[in-house]
Amino acid sequence: MISAEQLLEQWARTVDDVEHGYALTYEDYLNDLDVRRALDDAPLPYDARERLAALDARFQEVTFPSGECVWGVENEEAEGWDRIAHWYYWRLPTHPGPAFHDE
């Protein structure tokens, strides 16, 4: 099982990737957002929650709102996600690479 700290490190790498132009595929991006979702339920100490908030702010700066859940309406409804609580599922990278659009 992956630890909360490992999840936080994975999210930090994703934020770095998005800041520098997300070079991976759309499917990879969805998986990276699932890491962020897992952090919602992870038992993080206060300092880790502060770090997560800073990473989220950076992520929001280099993404833009999508018209719908990036996983699609069916998954949104099946999982019970909403635009406020699961805001990251409604964001797309400002500078995706070619592989992102090839999928």
C-alpha atoms as a PDB file:
ATOM      1  CA  MET A   1       0.000   0.000   0.000  1.00  0.00           C
ATOM      2  CA  ILE A   2       1.248   3.449  -0.866  1.00  0.00           C
ATOM      3  CA  SER A   3       1.758   5.892   1.995  1.00  0.00           C
ATOM      4  CA  ALA A   4       0.265   9.369   2.246  1.00  0.00           C
ATOM      5  CA  GLU A   5       3.746  10.861   1.925  1.00  0.00           C
ATOM      6  CA  GLN A   6       4.337   8.883  -1.283  1.00  0.00           C
ATOM      7  CA  LEU A   7       1.034  10.146  -2.667  1.00  0.00           C
ATOM      8  CA  LEU A   8       2.063  13.695  -1.827  1.00  0.00           C
ATOM      9  CA  GLU A   9       5.397  13.202  -3.601  1.00  0.00           C
ATOM     10  CA  GLN A  10       3.601  11.836  -6.666  1.00  0.00           C
ATOM     11  CA  TRP A  11       1.289  14.853  -6.703  1.00  0.00           C
ATOM     12  CA  ALA A  12       4.303  17.174  -6.396  1.00  0.00           C
ATOM     13  CA  ARG A  13       5.858  15.497  -9.460  1.00  0.00           C
ATOM     14  CA  THR A  14       2.602  15.906 -11.369  1.00  0.00           C
ATOM     15  CA  VAL A  15       2.443  19.604 -10.521  1.00  0.00           C
ATOM     16  CA  ASP A  16       6.062  19.995 -11.673  1.00  0.00           C
ATOM     17  CA  ASP A  17       5.228  18.160 -14.909  1.00  0.00           C
ATOM     18  CA  VAL A  18       2.210  20.363 -15.590  1.00  0.00           C
ATOM     19  CA  GLU A  19       4.223  23.518 -14.847  1.00  0.00           C
ATOM     20  CA  HIS A  20       6.848  22.543 -17.408  1.00  0.00           C
ATOM     21  CA  GLY A  21       4.413  21.411 -20.114  1.00  0.00           C
ATOM     22  CA  TYR A  22       2.658  18.119 -19.496  1.00  0.00           C
ATOM     23  CA  ALA A  23       4.439  15.700 -21.840  1.00  0.00           C
ATOM     24  CA  LEU A  24       2.479  12.564 -20.958  1.00  0.00           C
ATOM     25  CA  THR A  25      -0.798  11.240 -22.342  1.00  0.00           C
ATOM     26  CA  TYR A  26      -4.362  12.131 -21.403  1.00  0.00           C
ATOM     27  CA  GLU A  27      -4.686   8.710 -19.744  1.00  0.00           C
ATOM     28  CA  ASP A  28      -1.584   9.436 -17.655  1.00  0.00           C
ATOM     29  CA  TYR A  29      -3.117  12.766 -16.674  1.00  0.00           C
ATOM     30  CA  LEU A  30      -6.290  11.048 -15.473  1.00  0.00           C
ATOM     31  CA  ASN A  31      -4.200   8.664 -13.387  1.00  0.00           C
ATOM     32  CA  ASP A  32      -2.254  11.605 -11.937  1.00  0.00           C
ATOM     33  CA  LEU A  33      -5.523  13.277 -10.946  1.00  0.00           C
ATOM     34  CA  ASP A  34      -6.554  10.062  -9.209  1.00  0.00           C
ATOM     35  CA  VAL A  35      -3.470  10.465  -7.011  1.00  0.00           C
ATOM     36  CA  ARG A  36      -4.817  13.874  -5.993  1.00  0.00           C
ATOM     37  CA  ARG A  37      -8.185  12.258  -5.251  1.00  0.00           C
ATOM     38  CA  ALA A  38      -6.489   9.699  -2.999  1.00  0.00           C
ATOM     39  CA  LEU A  39      -4.917  12.559  -1.052  1.00  0.00           C
ATOM     40  CA  ASP A  40      -8.398  13.762  -0.086  1.00  0.00           C
ATOM     41  CA  ASP A  41      -8.781  10.624   2.021  1.00  0.00           C
ATOM     42  CA  ALA A  42      -5.166  10.319   3.172  1.00  0.00           C
ATOM     43  CA  PRO A  43      -4.282  10.969   6.813  1.00  0.00           C
ATOM     44  CA  LEU A  44      -1.945  13.938   6.358  1.00  0.00           C
ATOM     45  CA  PRO A  45      -0.382  15.852   9.243  1.00  0.00           C
ATOM     46  CA  TYR A  46      -0.788  19.635   9.324  1.00  0.00           C
ATOM     47  CA  ASP A  47       2.524  20.415   7.591  1.00  0.00           C
ATOM     48  CA  ALA A  48       1.687  17.993   4.775  1.00  0.00           C
ATOM     49  CA  ARG A  49      -1.767  19.601   4.396  1.00  0.00           C
ATOM     50  CA  GLU A  50      -0.028  22.974   4.055  1.00  0.00           C
ATOM     51  CA  ARG A  51       2.257  21.540   1.386  1.00  0.00           C
ATOM     52  CA  LEU A  52      -0.743  20.053  -0.415  1.00  0.00           C
ATOM     53  CA  ALA A  53      -2.495  23.436  -0.396  1.00  0.00           C
ATOM     54  CA  ALA A  54       0.608  25.065  -1.901  1.00  0.00           C
ATOM     55  CA  LEU A  55       0.839  22.367  -4.587  1.00  0.00           C
ATOM     56  CA  ASP A  56      -2.850  22.771  -5.378  1.00  0.00           C
ATOM     57  CA  ALA A  57      -2.402  26.525  -5.792  1.00  0.00           C
ATOM     58  CA  ARG A  58       0.489  25.955  -8.193  1.00  0.00           C
ATOM     59  CA  PHE A  59      -1.591  23.398 -10.118  1.00  0.00           C
ATOM     60  CA  GLN A  60      -4.479  25.830 -10.485  1.00  0.00           C
ATOM     61  CA  GLU A  61      -2.120  28.469 -11.873  1.00  0.00           C
ATOM     62  CA  VAL A  62      -1.012  26.223 -14.759  1.00  0.00           C
ATOM     63  CA  THR A  63      -4.355  24.636 -15.583  1.00  0.00           C
ATOM     64  CA  PHE A  64      -7.686  25.972 -16.777  1.00  0.00           C
ATOM     65  CA  PRO A  65     -11.273  24.958 -16.057  1.00  0.00           C
ATOM     66  CA  SER A  66     -12.693  22.290 -18.339  1.00  0.00           C
ATOM     67  CA  GLY A  67     -16.299  22.309 -19.437  1.00  0.00           C
ATOM     68  CA  GLU A  68     -16.987  18.978 -17.765  1.00  0.00           C
ATOM     69  CA  CYS A  69     -15.333  16.365 -15.594  1.00  0.00           C
ATOM     70  CA  VAL A  70     -12.206  15.134 -17.382  1.00  0.00           C
ATOM     71  CA  TRP A  71     -13.230  11.548 -16.577  1.00  0.00           C
ATOM     72  CA  GLY A  72     -16.587  12.132 -18.316  1.00  0.00           C
ATOM     73  CA  VAL A  73     -20.119  12.577 -17.062  1.00  0.00           C
ATOM     74  CA  GLU A  74     -20.732   8.848 -16.528  1.00  0.00           C
ATOM     75  CA  ASN A  75     -17.754   8.502 -14.181  1.00  0.00           C
ATOM     76  CA  GLU A  76     -18.599  11.792 -12.467  1.00  0.00           C
ATOM     77  CA  GLU A  77     -22.078  10.521 -11.639  1.00  0.00           C
ATOM     78  CA  ALA A  78     -20.990   6.970 -10.782  1.00  0.00           C
ATOM     79  CA  GLU A  79     -18.277   8.194  -8.392  1.00  0.00           C
ATOM     80  CA  GLY A  80     -20.311  11.045  -6.923  1.00  0.00           C
ATOM     81  CA  TRP A  81     -17.713  13.669  -7.795  1.00  0.00           C
ATOM     82  CA  ASP A  82     -18.646  17.324  -7.782  1.00  0.00           C
ATOM     83  CA  ARG A  83     -17.000  20.440  -9.175  1.00  0.00           C
ATOM     84  CA  ILE A  84     -16.307  21.951  -5.733  1.00  0.00           C
ATOM     85  CA  ALA A  85     -15.010  19.026  -3.678  1.00  0.00           C
ATOM     86  CA  HIS A  86     -13.184  17.362  -6.563  1.00  0.00           C
ATOM     87  CA  TRP A  87     -12.192  20.524  -8.417  1.00  0.00           C
ATOM     88  CA  TYR A  88      -9.024  18.947  -9.926  1.00  0.00           C
ATOM     89  CA  TYR A  89     -11.210  16.684 -12.111  1.00  0.00           C
ATOM     90  CA  TRP A  90     -12.440  19.861 -13.814  1.00  0.00           C
ATOM     91  CA  ARG A  91      -8.986  21.202 -14.788  1.00  0.00           C
ATOM     92  CA  LEU A  92      -6.816  20.732 -17.877  1.00  0.00           C
ATOM     93  CA  PRO A  93      -3.143  21.641 -18.404  1.00  0.00           C
ATOM     94  CA  THR A  94      -2.514  24.987 -20.049  1.00  0.00           C
ATOM     95  CA  HIS A  95       0.456  23.578 -21.973  1.00  0.00           C
ATOM     96  CA  PRO A  96      -0.064  19.891 -22.801  1.00  0.00           C
ATOM     97  CA  GLY A  97       2.413  18.136 -25.044  1.00  0.00           C
ATOM     98  CA  PRO A  98       1.627  16.337 -28.327  1.00  0.00           C
ATOM     99  CA  ALA A  99       1.099  12.963 -26.611  1.00  0.00           C
ATOM    100  CA  PHE A 100      -1.756  14.461 -24.586  1.00  0.00           C
ATOM    101  CA  HIS A 101      -3.775  15.166 -27.713  1.00  0.00           C
ATOM    102  CA  ASP A 102      -2.781  11.976 -29.549  1.00  0.00           C
ATOM    103  CA  GLU A 103      -4.902   9.802 -27.294  1.00  0.00           C
END
